[in-house]
Amino acid sequence: MKKSVALLVGGWSSEREVSLMKGVHVEAALKEAGYSVKTIDVTRDLQKLVKALDAAKPDVVFNNLYGRGGEDGTIQAVLEMLGLPYTHSGVAASAIGMDKVMTKKLAEKMGVRTSVGIVAGKDEILAETVMPRPYVVKPINEGSSVGVRIILEGENQKPIEESTWTFGESALVEKYVPGREVHVAVLDGKAQGVTEIIVHGHRFFDYEAKYSDTSTELVTPADIPEIVAKTAMDYAERVYEVLGCRGIARVDMRYDDSKPDADGVCFLEINTMPGLSPGSIAVIQPEHNGMSYVQLCSHLVETASCHGTVQEDLPSSNGARVAQSA
């Protein structure tokens, strides 16, 4: 008998609409695979969520929430407390992966090349005293390139737009890495390939290029030298491992092809909750290796876990399947 799945969508972050949009595809894939699916629109109302999960009595929770609250360890901690197996990374990996500064530090300890970065206050950033141009300003704890701004030489653009900046009193300022944008999906610790993102009319793979601009090209496999592809995949696996990720994740990098061999490969960040809809990088790379979209969603359900162990077939008092603590 197929498992029952509670699919979490929505949330309260800036990526709520992305979650709702992609959740439709996940729901269809899970139903096609034969699962009984109950979709739950998550808000800040924790009591409402607990009641919905209790009513659904799921064997597994499919986490399809993005941004703060959904991929920063918050919802993962709730599900751990409820004893419900869930997809994607656990509490610690999710929290660290959402923190760009902490992730960079751990990546560097694993021998992964990263761009020079400094955490600075808004006043320093606005005064442009942090580092010379060109550089990139990033919120420390956001996804989908929300709030990211590239500041190039010889232009009048401000590093931060004060009227719309809602991401705290400090931000990460990184030295701009020129070149090509390459992403690697990692499934169960194994890099799936390398995709190059080619954007038109955008400086980088920003929110609009990700979700609105149909001219964005995702070239899989990327047309890059073999040593570069191997280095990018190696870096991705190292970061995935040191954070303790599980399930599917996506690692974003830049490749400066003006440098020899793989010297131009540079880690930017990891996404422990990558987009999962047809055409997403975390989907097309496994598909290139022979795993269909439906199979990928099913695999995530079947390998869901709680307390860091793969789910066991142990019914709880409310009928849900819970993981056995190690």
C-alpha atoms as a PDB file:
ATOM      1  CA  MET A   1       0.000   0.000   0.000  1.00  0.00           C
ATOM      2  CA  LYS A   2       1.333   3.419  -0.972  1.00  0.00           C
ATOM      3  CA  LYS A   3       2.125   5.919   1.766  1.00  0.00           C
ATOM      4  CA  SER A   4       0.036   8.954   2.571  1.00  0.00           C
ATOM      5  CA  VAL A   5       1.886  12.243   2.074  1.00  0.00           C
ATOM      6  CA  ALA A   6       1.268  15.685   3.550  1.00  0.00           C
ATOM      7  CA  LEU A   7       2.567  18.236   1.045  1.00  0.00           C
ATOM      8  CA  LEU A   8       3.537  21.545   2.659  1.00  0.00           C
ATOM      9  CA  VAL A   9       3.199  24.612   0.433  1.00  0.00           C
ATOM     10  CA  GLY A  10       2.996  28.369   0.851  1.00  0.00           C
ATOM     11  CA  GLY A  11       4.711  29.574   3.994  1.00  0.00           C
ATOM     12  CA  TRP A  12       5.222  33.212   4.950  1.00  0.00           C
ATOM     13  CA  SER A  13       8.512  34.094   3.283  1.00  0.00           C
ATOM     14  CA  SER A  14       9.137  36.218   0.200  1.00  0.00           C
ATOM     15  CA  GLU A  15       9.075  32.962  -1.750  1.00  0.00           C
ATOM     16  CA  ARG A  16       5.500  32.000  -0.846  1.00  0.00           C
ATOM     17  CA  GLU A  17       4.231  32.287  -4.427  1.00  0.00           C
ATOM     18  CA  VAL A  18       7.129  30.179  -5.712  1.00  0.00           C
ATOM     19  CA  SER A  19       6.210  27.439  -3.263  1.00  0.00           C
ATOM     20  CA  LEU A  20       2.553  27.483  -4.290  1.00  0.00           C
ATOM     21  CA  MET A  21       3.461  27.426  -7.977  1.00  0.00           C
ATOM     22  CA  LYS A  22       5.910  24.542  -7.711  1.00  0.00           C
ATOM     23  CA  GLY A  23       3.726  22.657  -5.250  1.00  0.00           C
ATOM     24  CA  VAL A  24       1.122  22.062  -7.955  1.00  0.00           C
ATOM     25  CA  HIS A  25       3.662  20.056  -9.951  1.00  0.00           C
ATOM     26  CA  VAL A  26       4.887  18.080  -6.937  1.00  0.00           C
ATOM     27  CA  GLU A  27       1.306  17.200  -5.992  1.00  0.00           C
ATOM     28  CA  ALA A  28       0.585  15.943  -9.511  1.00  0.00           C
ATOM     29  CA  ALA A  29       3.779  13.858  -9.567  1.00  0.00           C
ATOM     30  CA  LEU A  30       3.063  12.256  -6.189  1.00  0.00           C
ATOM     31  CA  LYS A  31      -0.504  11.407  -7.191  1.00  0.00           C
ATOM     32  CA  GLU A  32       0.756   9.933 -10.462  1.00  0.00           C
ATOM     33  CA  ALA A  33       3.098   7.759  -8.394  1.00  0.00           C
ATOM     34  CA  GLY A  34       0.101   6.473  -6.453  1.00  0.00           C
ATOM     35  CA  TYR A  35       0.495   8.333  -3.157  1.00  0.00           C
ATOM     36  CA  SER A  36      -2.437   9.708  -1.214  1.00  0.00           C
ATOM     37  CA  VAL A  37      -1.677  13.433  -1.003  1.00  0.00           C
ATOM     38  CA  LYS A  38      -3.041  16.042   1.367  1.00  0.00           C
ATOM     39  CA  THR A  39      -1.809  19.549   0.500  1.00  0.00           C
ATOM     40  CA  ILE A  40      -1.457  21.955   3.427  1.00  0.00           C
ATOM     41  CA  ASP A  41      -1.057  25.713   2.967  1.00  0.00           C
ATOM     42  CA  VAL A  42       1.328  26.674   5.771  1.00  0.00           C
ATOM     43  CA  THR A  43       1.132  30.025   7.583  1.00  0.00           C
ATOM     44  CA  ARG A  44       2.638  31.327  10.810  1.00  0.00           C
ATOM     45  CA  ASP A  45      -0.255  29.694  12.703  1.00  0.00           C
ATOM     46  CA  LEU A  46       1.570  26.730  14.253  1.00  0.00           C
ATOM     47  CA  GLN A  47      -1.539  25.393  15.988  1.00  0.00           C
ATOM     48  CA  LYS A  48      -3.374  25.309  12.667  1.00  0.00           C
ATOM     49  CA  LEU A  49      -0.506  23.390  11.058  1.00  0.00           C
ATOM     50  CA  VAL A  50      -0.375  20.806  13.836  1.00  0.00           C
ATOM     51  CA  LYS A  51      -4.137  20.275  13.571  1.00  0.00           C
ATOM     52  CA  ALA A  52      -3.892  19.855   9.804  1.00  0.00           C
ATOM     53  CA  LEU A  53      -1.093  17.313  10.137  1.00  0.00           C
ATOM     54  CA  ASP A  54      -2.977  15.433  12.838  1.00  0.00           C
ATOM     55  CA  ALA A  55      -6.055  15.277  10.609  1.00  0.00           C
ATOM     56  CA  ALA A  56      -4.020  14.143   7.595  1.00  0.00           C
ATOM     57  CA  LYS A  57      -2.158  11.438   9.564  1.00  0.00           C
ATOM     58  CA  PRO A  58       0.638  11.289   6.992  1.00  0.00           C
ATOM     59  CA  ASP A  59       3.304   8.652   6.710  1.00  0.00           C
ATOM     60  CA  VAL A  60       5.628  11.280   5.245  1.00  0.00           C
ATOM     61  CA  VAL A  61       5.726  15.071   5.002  1.00  0.00           C
ATOM     62  CA  PHE A  62       6.930  16.449   1.678  1.00  0.00           C
ATOM     63  CA  ASN A  63       8.471  19.825   2.468  1.00  0.00           C
ATOM     64  CA  ASN A  64       7.885  22.201  -0.434  1.00  0.00           C
ATOM     65  CA  LEU A  65       8.418  25.447   1.508  1.00  0.00           C
ATOM     66  CA  TYR A  66      11.039  27.978   0.443  1.00  0.00           C
ATOM     67  CA  GLY A  67      12.790  30.846   2.192  1.00  0.00           C
ATOM     68  CA  ARG A  68      12.611  31.722   5.865  1.00  0.00           C
ATOM     69  CA  GLY A  69      10.535  29.334   7.901  1.00  0.00           C
ATOM     70  CA  GLY A  70      10.644  26.663   5.213  1.00  0.00           C
ATOM     71  CA  GLU A  71      14.298  25.961   4.517  1.00  0.00           C
ATOM     72  CA  ASP A  72      16.082  27.472   7.516  1.00  0.00           C
ATOM     73  CA  GLY A  73      15.442  24.679  10.014  1.00  0.00           C
ATOM     74  CA  THR A  74      12.209  26.131  11.441  1.00  0.00           C
ATOM     75  CA  ILE A  75       9.650  23.779   9.879  1.00  0.00           C
ATOM     76  CA  GLN A  76      12.166  20.940  10.142  1.00  0.00           C
ATOM     77  CA  ALA A  77      12.299  21.409  13.931  1.00  0.00           C
ATOM     78  CA  VAL A  78       8.506  21.336  14.135  1.00  0.00           C
ATOM     79  CA  LEU A  79       8.364  18.078  12.199  1.00  0.00           C
ATOM     80  CA  GLU A  80      11.104  16.591  14.370  1.00  0.00           C
ATOM     81  CA  MET A  81       9.071  17.436  17.477  1.00  0.00           C
ATOM     82  CA  LEU A  82       6.017  15.774  15.920  1.00  0.00           C
ATOM     83  CA  GLY A  83       8.050  12.706  14.981  1.00  0.00           C
ATOM     84  CA  LEU A  84       7.096  12.914  11.312  1.00  0.00           C
ATOM     85  CA  PRO A  85       9.538  11.824   8.596  1.00  0.00           C
ATOM     86  CA  TYR A  86      10.104  14.624   6.087  1.00  0.00           C
ATOM     87  CA  THR A  87      11.926  15.189   2.825  1.00  0.00           C
ATOM     88  CA  HIS A  88      15.117  17.173   2.246  1.00  0.00           C
ATOM     89  CA  SER A  89      17.733  18.209   4.807  1.00  0.00           C
ATOM     90  CA  GLY A  90      17.322  18.228   8.577  1.00  0.00           C
ATOM     91  CA  VAL A  91      17.397  21.050  11.112  1.00  0.00           C
ATOM     92  CA  ALA A  92      21.135  21.742  11.313  1.00  0.00           C
ATOM     93  CA  ALA A  93      21.926  21.446   7.593  1.00  0.00           C
ATOM     94  CA  SER A  94      18.925  23.602   6.712  1.00  0.00           C
ATOM     95  CA  ALA A  95      19.834  26.321   9.213  1.00  0.00           C
ATOM     96  CA  ILE A  96      23.489  26.423   8.195  1.00  0.00           C
ATOM     97  CA  GLY A  97      22.730  26.224   4.475  1.00  0.00           C
ATOM     98  CA  MET A  98      20.464  29.276   4.756  1.00  0.00           C
ATOM     99  CA  ASP A  99      23.257  31.242   6.426  1.00  0.00           C
ATOM    100  CA  LYS A 100      25.544  32.260   3.561  1.00  0.00           C
ATOM    101  CA  VAL A 101      28.363  33.364   5.857  1.00  0.00           C
ATOM    102  CA  MET A 102      28.504  30.155   7.886  1.00  0.00           C
ATOM    103  CA  THR A 103      28.252  28.038   4.753  1.00  0.00           C
ATOM    104  CA  LYS A 104      31.197  29.877   3.157  1.00  0.00           C
ATOM    105  CA  LYS A 105      33.323  29.252   6.238  1.00  0.00           C
ATOM    106  CA  LEU A 106      32.575  25.534   6.239  1.00  0.00           C
ATOM    107  CA  ALA A 107      33.143  25.293   2.487  1.00  0.00           C
ATOM    108  CA  GLU A 108      36.553  26.913   2.851  1.00  0.00           C
ATOM    109  CA  LYS A 109      37.505  24.407   5.566  1.00  0.00           C
ATOM    110  CA  MET A 110      36.711  21.645   3.056  1.00  0.00           C
ATOM    111  CA  GLY A 111      39.149  23.114   0.544  1.00  0.00           C
ATOM    112  CA  VAL A 112      36.439  24.662  -1.614  1.00  0.00           C
ATOM    113  CA  ARG A 113      37.361  27.939  -3.312  1.00  0.00           C
ATOM    114  CA  THR A 114      34.962  30.794  -2.429  1.00  0.00           C
ATOM    115  CA  SER A 115      34.794  34.480  -3.261  1.00  0.00           C
ATOM    116  CA  VAL A 116      36.158  37.019  -0.776  1.00  0.00           C
ATOM    117  CA  GLY A 117      33.301  38.100   1.479  1.00  0.00           C
ATOM    118  CA  ILE A 118      32.783  40.537   4.356  1.00  0.00           C
ATOM    119  CA  VAL A 119      29.749  41.030   6.611  1.00  0.00           C
ATOM    120  CA  ALA A 120      29.101  44.759   6.911  1.00  0.00           C
ATOM    121  CA  GLY A 121      26.501  47.118   8.300  1.00  0.00           C
ATOM    122  CA  LYS A 122      24.076  49.063   6.103  1.00  0.00           C
ATOM    123  CA  ASP A 123      25.853  52.384   6.728  1.00  0.00           C
ATOM    124  CA  GLU A 124      29.228  50.971   5.626  1.00  0.00           C
ATOM    125  CA  ILE A 125      27.661  49.428   2.545  1.00  0.00           C
ATOM    126  CA  LEU A 126      25.880  52.631   1.571  1.00  0.00           C
ATOM    127  CA  ALA A 127      29.109  54.597   2.076  1.00  0.00           C
ATOM    128  CA  GLU A 128      30.898  52.036  -0.130  1.00  0.00           C
ATOM    129  CA  THR A 129      33.771  51.615   2.304  1.00  0.00           C
ATOM    130  CA  VAL A 130      33.658  47.804   2.465  1.00  0.00           C
ATOM    131  CA  MET A 131      35.580  46.913  -0.708  1.00  0.00           C
ATOM    132  CA  PRO A 132      36.257  48.423  -4.133  1.00  0.00           C
ATOM    133  CA  ARG A 133      33.917  47.718  -7.031  1.00  0.00           C
ATOM    134  CA  PRO A 134      32.904  45.385  -8.560  1.00  0.00           C
ATOM    135  CA  TYR A 135      31.157  43.519  -5.745  1.00  0.00           C
ATOM    136  CA  VAL A 136      27.882  41.828  -4.829  1.00  0.00           C
ATOM    137  CA  VAL A 137      25.573  42.650  -1.906  1.00  0.00           C
ATOM    138  CA  LYS A 138      23.527  39.758  -0.520  1.00  0.00           C
ATOM    139  CA  PRO A 139      21.092  39.336   2.381  1.00  0.00           C
ATOM    140  CA  ILE A 140      22.635  36.793   4.749  1.00  0.00           C
ATOM    141  CA  ASN A 141      19.525  34.632   5.100  1.00  0.00           C
ATOM    142  CA  GLU A 142      17.443  34.676   1.916  1.00  0.00           C
ATOM    143  CA  GLY A 143      16.945  32.407  -1.080  1.00  0.00           C
ATOM    144  CA  SER A 144      16.023  32.714  -4.785  1.00  0.00           C
ATOM    145  CA  SER A 145      18.432  35.655  -5.158  1.00  0.00           C
ATOM    146  CA  VAL A 146      16.007  37.873  -3.242  1.00  0.00           C
ATOM    147  CA  GLY A 147      17.687  41.197  -2.384  1.00  0.00           C
ATOM    148  CA  VAL A 148      20.913  40.420  -4.286  1.00  0.00           C
ATOM    149  CA  ARG A 149      22.495  43.338  -6.134  1.00  0.00           C
ATOM    150  CA  ILE A 150      25.623  43.452  -8.311  1.00  0.00           C
ATOM    151  CA  ILE A 151      27.523  46.746  -8.148  1.00  0.00           C
ATOM    152  CA  LEU A 152      29.809  47.337 -11.120  1.00  0.00           C
ATOM    153  CA  GLU A 153      32.359  50.048 -11.835  1.00  0.00           C
ATOM    154  CA  GLY A 154      31.266  53.272 -13.497  1.00  0.00           C
ATOM    155  CA  GLU A 155      27.564  53.194 -12.601  1.00  0.00           C
ATOM    156  CA  ASN A 156      25.324  55.155 -10.244  1.00  0.00           C
ATOM    157  CA  GLN A 157      23.356  52.261  -8.730  1.00  0.00           C
ATOM    158  CA  LYS A 158      23.299  52.253  -4.929  1.00  0.00           C
ATOM    159  CA  PRO A 159      24.525  49.110  -3.140  1.00  0.00           C
ATOM    160  CA  ILE A 160      21.267  49.003  -1.145  1.00  0.00           C
ATOM    161  CA  GLU A 161      17.902  50.579  -1.830  1.00  0.00           C
ATOM    162  CA  GLU A 162      17.003  51.734   1.658  1.00  0.00           C
ATOM    163  CA  SER A 163      13.272  52.065   0.972  1.00  0.00           C
ATOM    164  CA  THR A 164      12.924  48.395  -0.013  1.00  0.00           C
ATOM    165  CA  TRP A 165      15.677  46.759   2.079  1.00  0.00           C
ATOM    166  CA  THR A 166      13.963  44.519   4.650  1.00  0.00           C
ATOM    167  CA  PHE A 167      16.764  42.065   5.293  1.00  0.00           C
ATOM    168  CA  GLY A 168      18.316  43.325   8.519  1.00  0.00           C
ATOM    169  CA  GLU A 169      21.007  45.792   9.552  1.00  0.00           C
ATOM    170  CA  SER A 170      23.873  43.917   7.915  1.00  0.00           C
ATOM    171  CA  ALA A 171      24.573  42.058   4.690  1.00  0.00           C
ATOM    172  CA  LEU A 172      27.246  39.993   2.992  1.00  0.00           C
ATOM    173  CA  VAL A 173      29.456  41.890   0.544  1.00  0.00           C
ATOM    174  CA  GLU A 174      31.411  39.645  -1.835  1.00  0.00           C
ATOM    175  CA  LYS A 175      34.007  40.350  -4.491  1.00  0.00           C
ATOM    176  CA  TYR A 176      32.314  39.934  -7.861  1.00  0.00           C
ATOM    177  CA  VAL A 177      33.402  36.813  -9.730  1.00  0.00           C
ATOM    178  CA  PRO A 178      33.185  37.284 -13.509  1.00  0.00           C
ATOM    179  CA  GLY A 179      32.415  34.504 -15.926  1.00  0.00           C
ATOM    180  CA  ARG A 180      29.721  31.859 -16.253  1.00  0.00           C
ATOM    181  CA  GLU A 181      27.117  30.648 -13.771  1.00  0.00           C
ATOM    182  CA  VAL A 182      27.100  26.876 -13.184  1.00  0.00           C
ATOM    183  CA  HIS A 183      24.915  24.844 -10.831  1.00  0.00           C
ATOM    184  CA  VAL A 184      25.233  21.281  -9.550  1.00  0.00           C
ATOM    185  CA  ALA A 185      22.405  19.199  -8.107  1.00  0.00           C
ATOM    186  CA  VAL A 186      23.422  16.684  -5.431  1.00  0.00           C
ATOM    187  CA  LEU A 187      21.161  13.731  -4.647  1.00  0.00           C
ATOM    188  CA  ASP A 188      21.966  11.522  -1.649  1.00  0.00           C
ATOM    189  CA  GLY A 189      25.530  12.852  -1.645  1.00  0.00           C
ATOM    190  CA  LYS A 190      26.174  12.245  -5.354  1.00  0.00           C
ATOM    191  CA  ALA A 191      26.583  15.130  -7.811  1.00  0.00           C
ATOM    192  CA  GLN A 192      24.185  14.724 -10.722  1.00  0.00           C
ATOM    193  CA  GLY A 193      25.936  16.883 -13.302  1.00  0.00           C
ATOM    194  CA  VAL A 194      26.649  20.511 -14.186  1.00  0.00           C
ATOM    195  CA  THR A 195      24.201  22.970 -15.719  1.00  0.00           C
ATOM    196  CA  GLU A 196      25.197  26.343 -17.118  1.00  0.00           C
ATOM    197  CA  ILE A 197      22.653  29.138 -16.740  1.00  0.00           C
ATOM    198  CA  ILE A 198      22.619  31.624 -19.596  1.00  0.00           C
ATOM    199  CA  VAL A 199      20.485  34.679 -18.917  1.00  0.00           C
ATOM    200  CA  HIS A 200      19.426  37.364 -21.360  1.00  0.00           C
ATOM    201  CA  GLY A 201      18.777  40.919 -20.228  1.00  0.00           C
ATOM    202  CA  HIS A 202      19.836  40.183 -16.636  1.00  0.00           C
ATOM    203  CA  ARG A 203      23.173  40.522 -14.872  1.00  0.00           C
ATOM    204  CA  PHE A 204      22.781  37.150 -13.196  1.00  0.00           C
ATOM    205  CA  PHE A 205      20.272  34.378 -12.445  1.00  0.00           C
ATOM    206  CA  ASP A 206      18.024  36.651 -10.387  1.00  0.00           C
ATOM    207  CA  TYR A 207      14.440  36.137  -9.195  1.00  0.00           C
ATOM    208  CA  GLU A 208      12.887  37.245 -12.476  1.00  0.00           C
ATOM    209  CA  ALA A 209      15.284  35.170 -14.584  1.00  0.00           C
ATOM    210  CA  LYS A 210      14.466  32.141 -12.420  1.00  0.00           C
ATOM    211  CA  TYR A 211      10.688  32.357 -12.464  1.00  0.00           C
ATOM    212  CA  SER A 212       9.451  34.781 -15.135  1.00  0.00           C
ATOM    213  CA  ASP A 213      11.862  35.166 -18.038  1.00  0.00           C
ATOM    214  CA  THR A 214      11.293  32.380 -20.561  1.00  0.00           C
ATOM    215  CA  SER A 215      14.486  33.306 -22.442  1.00  0.00           C
ATOM    216  CA  THR A 216      16.746  31.931 -19.672  1.00  0.00           C
ATOM    217  CA  GLU A 217      18.689  28.914 -20.952  1.00  0.00           C
ATOM    218  CA  LEU A 218      19.693  25.917 -18.823  1.00  0.00           C
ATOM    219  CA  VAL A 219      22.386  24.001 -20.690  1.00  0.00           C
ATOM    220  CA  THR A 220      22.768  20.430 -19.375  1.00  0.00           C
ATOM    221  CA  PRO A 221      25.416  19.157 -19.421  1.00  0.00           C
ATOM    222  CA  ALA A 222      27.316  22.428 -19.395  1.00  0.00           C
ATOM    223  CA  ASP A 223      29.724  22.972 -22.286  1.00  0.00           C
ATOM    224  CA  ILE A 224      32.813  23.269 -20.114  1.00  0.00           C
ATOM    225  CA  PRO A 225      36.133  21.394 -19.879  1.00  0.00           C
ATOM    226  CA  GLU A 226      35.981  18.033 -18.117  1.00  0.00           C
ATOM    227  CA  ILE A 227      38.338  19.172 -15.338  1.00  0.00           C
ATOM    228  CA  VAL A 228      36.043  22.114 -14.624  1.00  0.00           C
ATOM    229  CA  ALA A 229      32.960  19.882 -14.476  1.00  0.00           C
ATOM    230  CA  LYS A 230      34.731  17.417 -12.164  1.00  0.00           C
ATOM    231  CA  THR A 231      35.896  20.217  -9.875  1.00  0.00           C
ATOM    232  CA  ALA A 232      32.414  21.766  -9.697  1.00  0.00           C
ATOM    233  CA  MET A 233      30.849  18.400  -8.833  1.00  0.00           C
ATOM    234  CA  ASP A 234      33.564  17.662  -6.282  1.00  0.00           C
ATOM    235  CA  TYR A 235      33.006  21.050  -4.622  1.00  0.00           C
ATOM    236  CA  ALA A 236      29.259  20.438  -4.533  1.00  0.00           C
ATOM    237  CA  GLU A 237      29.651  17.041  -2.879  1.00  0.00           C
ATOM    238  CA  ARG A 238      32.072  18.446  -0.284  1.00  0.00           C
ATOM    239  CA  VAL A 239      29.698  21.234   0.745  1.00  0.00           C
ATOM    240  CA  TYR A 240      26.717  18.858   0.823  1.00  0.00           C
ATOM    241  CA  GLU A 241      28.683  16.486   3.048  1.00  0.00           C
ATOM    242  CA  VAL A 242      30.099  19.024   5.504  1.00  0.00           C
ATOM    243  CA  LEU A 243      26.642  20.525   6.091  1.00  0.00           C
ATOM    244  CA  GLY A 244      25.116  17.082   6.600  1.00  0.00           C
ATOM    245  CA  CYS A 245      22.508  17.509   3.874  1.00  0.00           C
ATOM    246  CA  ARG A 246      20.170  14.768   2.727  1.00  0.00           C
ATOM    247  CA  GLY A 247      17.861  14.237  -0.215  1.00  0.00           C
ATOM    248  CA  ILE A 248      18.261  16.755  -3.012  1.00  0.00           C
ATOM    249  CA  ALA A 249      20.211  20.025  -2.842  1.00  0.00           C
ATOM    250  CA  ARG A 250      21.641  22.453  -5.387  1.00  0.00           C
ATOM    251  CA  VAL A 251      25.046  24.137  -5.245  1.00  0.00           C
ATOM    252  CA  ASP A 252      25.573  27.419  -7.118  1.00  0.00           C
ATOM    253  CA  MET A 253      28.970  28.423  -8.466  1.00  0.00           C
ATOM    254  CA  ARG A 254      30.694  30.811 -10.845  1.00  0.00           C
ATOM    255  CA  TYR A 255      33.271  29.756 -13.414  1.00  0.00           C
ATOM    256  CA  ASP A 256      35.743  32.377 -14.594  1.00  0.00           C
ATOM    257  CA  ASP A 257      36.825  30.805 -17.892  1.00  0.00           C
ATOM    258  CA  SER A 258      39.661  33.306 -18.285  1.00  0.00           C
ATOM    259  CA  LYS A 259      41.624  31.315 -15.702  1.00  0.00           C
ATOM    260  CA  PRO A 260      43.506  28.081 -16.476  1.00  0.00           C
ATOM    261  CA  ASP A 261      42.132  24.598 -15.813  1.00  0.00           C
ATOM    262  CA  ALA A 262      39.649  24.704 -12.917  1.00  0.00           C
ATOM    263  CA  ASP A 263      41.175  27.717 -11.134  1.00  0.00           C
ATOM    264  CA  GLY A 264      38.138  29.789 -12.040  1.00  0.00           C
ATOM    265  CA  VAL A 265      35.574  27.591 -10.248  1.00  0.00           C
ATOM    266  CA  CYS A 266      34.208  29.440  -7.216  1.00  0.00           C
ATOM    267  CA  PHE A 267      31.479  28.372  -4.755  1.00  0.00           C
ATOM    268  CA  LEU A 268      28.683  30.868  -4.087  1.00  0.00           C
ATOM    269  CA  GLU A 269      26.006  29.128  -1.995  1.00  0.00           C
ATOM    270  CA  ILE A 270      23.961  25.987  -1.440  1.00  0.00           C
ATOM    271  CA  ASN A 271      20.195  25.620  -1.672  1.00  0.00           C
ATOM    272  CA  THR A 272      18.957  22.784   0.544  1.00  0.00           C
ATOM    273  CA  MET A 273      15.415  23.260  -0.820  1.00  0.00           C
ATOM    274  CA  PRO A 274      15.933  23.651  -4.579  1.00  0.00           C
ATOM    275  CA  GLY A 275      12.982  24.229  -6.865  1.00  0.00           C
ATOM    276  CA  LEU A 276      11.263  20.971  -7.794  1.00  0.00           C
ATOM    277  CA  SER A 277       9.125  21.477 -10.859  1.00  0.00           C
ATOM    278  CA  PRO A 278       9.639  20.273 -14.427  1.00  0.00           C
ATOM    279  CA  GLY A 279      12.519  22.206 -15.944  1.00  0.00           C
ATOM    280  CA  SER A 280      14.185  23.040 -12.613  1.00  0.00           C
ATOM    281  CA  ILE A 281      17.910  22.304 -12.373  1.00  0.00           C
ATOM    282  CA  ALA A 282      17.388  19.842  -9.513  1.00  0.00           C
ATOM    283  CA  VAL A 283      15.010  17.949 -11.813  1.00  0.00           C
ATOM    284  CA  ILE A 284      16.696  18.101 -15.209  1.00  0.00           C
ATOM    285  CA  GLN A 285      20.044  16.773 -13.970  1.00  0.00           C
ATOM    286  CA  PRO A 286      18.582  13.553 -12.466  1.00  0.00           C
ATOM    287  CA  GLU A 287      16.422  13.262 -15.601  1.00  0.00           C
ATOM    288  CA  HIS A 288      19.573  13.439 -17.713  1.00  0.00           C
ATOM    289  CA  ASN A 289      20.826  10.461 -15.674  1.00  0.00           C
ATOM    290  CA  GLY A 290      17.644   8.453 -16.282  1.00  0.00           C
ATOM    291  CA  MET A 291      15.468   9.366 -13.274  1.00  0.00           C
ATOM    292  CA  SER A 292      12.094  10.827 -14.221  1.00  0.00           C
ATOM    293  CA  TYR A 293      10.412  13.661 -12.347  1.00  0.00           C
ATOM    294  CA  VAL A 294       7.852  11.297 -10.828  1.00  0.00           C
ATOM    295  CA  GLN A 295      10.616   8.893  -9.806  1.00  0.00           C
ATOM    296  CA  LEU A 296      12.573  11.725  -8.174  1.00  0.00           C
ATOM    297  CA  CYS A 297       9.591  12.888  -6.109  1.00  0.00           C
ATOM    298  CA  SER A 298       8.874   9.277  -5.139  1.00  0.00           C
ATOM    299  CA  HIS A 299      12.508   8.724  -4.161  1.00  0.00           C
ATOM    300  CA  LEU A 300      12.401  11.737  -1.856  1.00  0.00           C
ATOM    301  CA  VAL A 301       9.287  10.344  -0.176  1.00  0.00           C
ATOM    302  CA  GLU A 302      10.749   6.860   0.217  1.00  0.00           C
ATOM    303  CA  THR A 303      13.987   8.186   1.741  1.00  0.00           C
ATOM    304  CA  ALA A 304      12.321  10.743   4.028  1.00  0.00           C
ATOM    305  CA  SER A 305      13.568  10.694   7.592  1.00  0.00           C
ATOM    306  CA  CYS A 306      13.261  12.086  11.087  1.00  0.00           C
ATOM    307  CA  HIS A 307      15.915  12.310  13.836  1.00  0.00           C
ATOM    308  CA  GLY A 308      18.497  11.705  11.123  1.00  0.00           C
ATOM    309  CA  THR A 309      17.480   8.114  10.347  1.00  0.00           C
ATOM    310  CA  VAL A 310      15.527   6.743   7.413  1.00  0.00           C
ATOM    311  CA  GLN A 311      11.909   6.160   8.374  1.00  0.00           C
ATOM    312  CA  GLU A 312      10.916   2.866   9.901  1.00  0.00           C
ATOM    313  CA  ASP A 313       7.543   1.209   9.492  1.00  0.00           C
ATOM    314  CA  LEU A 314       6.482   2.042  13.039  1.00  0.00           C
ATOM    315  CA  PRO A 315       2.927   3.354  13.493  1.00  0.00           C
ATOM    316  CA  SER A 316       2.476   6.094  16.080  1.00  0.00           C
ATOM    317  CA  SER A 317      -0.553   6.501  18.280  1.00  0.00           C
ATOM    318  CA  ASN A 318      -2.177   8.846  15.756  1.00  0.00           C
ATOM    319  CA  GLY A 319      -1.582   6.518  12.830  1.00  0.00           C
ATOM    320  CA  ALA A 320       1.408   8.321  11.316  1.00  0.00           C
ATOM    321  CA  ARG A 321       4.632   6.479  10.543  1.00  0.00           C
ATOM    322  CA  VAL A 322       7.469   7.809  12.649  1.00  0.00           C
ATOM    323  CA  ALA A 323      11.216   7.467  12.539  1.00  0.00           C
ATOM    324  CA  GLN A 324      13.075   5.489  15.139  1.00  0.00           C
ATOM    325  CA  SER A 325      15.711   7.513  16.990  1.00  0.00           C
ATOM    326  CA  ALA A 326      19.271   6.343  16.677  1.00  0.00           C
END
